[in-house]
């Protein structure tokens, strides 16, 4: 609420024809500042959309674009460089201890880190469960529920997510060697 009021006060001083675009850019800028203040580290050229909620154990590489993310749990989330993430990613970094003397679960949380390798592309509304590791260049289909360790270049989807195809890694490494990366230029 407070963020909206401040943005509206700033926008009021500009001509009507640029207010909508300015409002949009200020919201993105506010979210980027929040991420840089909260995350353990963020790389250069970081871009983020709305609906961002991370923890202090989050690390983000260079040239990453996140359109929406919620990190829940006390474990670490590592996002490699050149990743693209759609809206509403849910990264769970811990779960409850269910083998205890209490039911349905005990007081302790069991943290398990989530790792997203370099150059991964994650679709919208994906859930990454505790302990998930996506190798470099993985592609995750929108709406997937992912758990486990996946080899570099895996293309996966579903609930539970399964690998249904492999990326052409020869072409992938050729593009990587040539520096052929997609870089978001939203603020340029």
Foldseek 3Di string as FASTA:
>chain_A
DVLLVVLVVVLVVDDPVCSVVSSQVSQFVVVVVVCCVAECEEEPQETEAPAEADHNQEYYYAQEYYDHEHEDDDAHEYAYAQEYYEHYEYEYFWAFACPDPDPPGDDDIGGAYAYHYYNEYEYAPEYEYHNEYEYACEYEDHPEYEDDYDYHQFYWGDDPIDGDDGHPVVVVVVCVVVVVGDHDPPPD
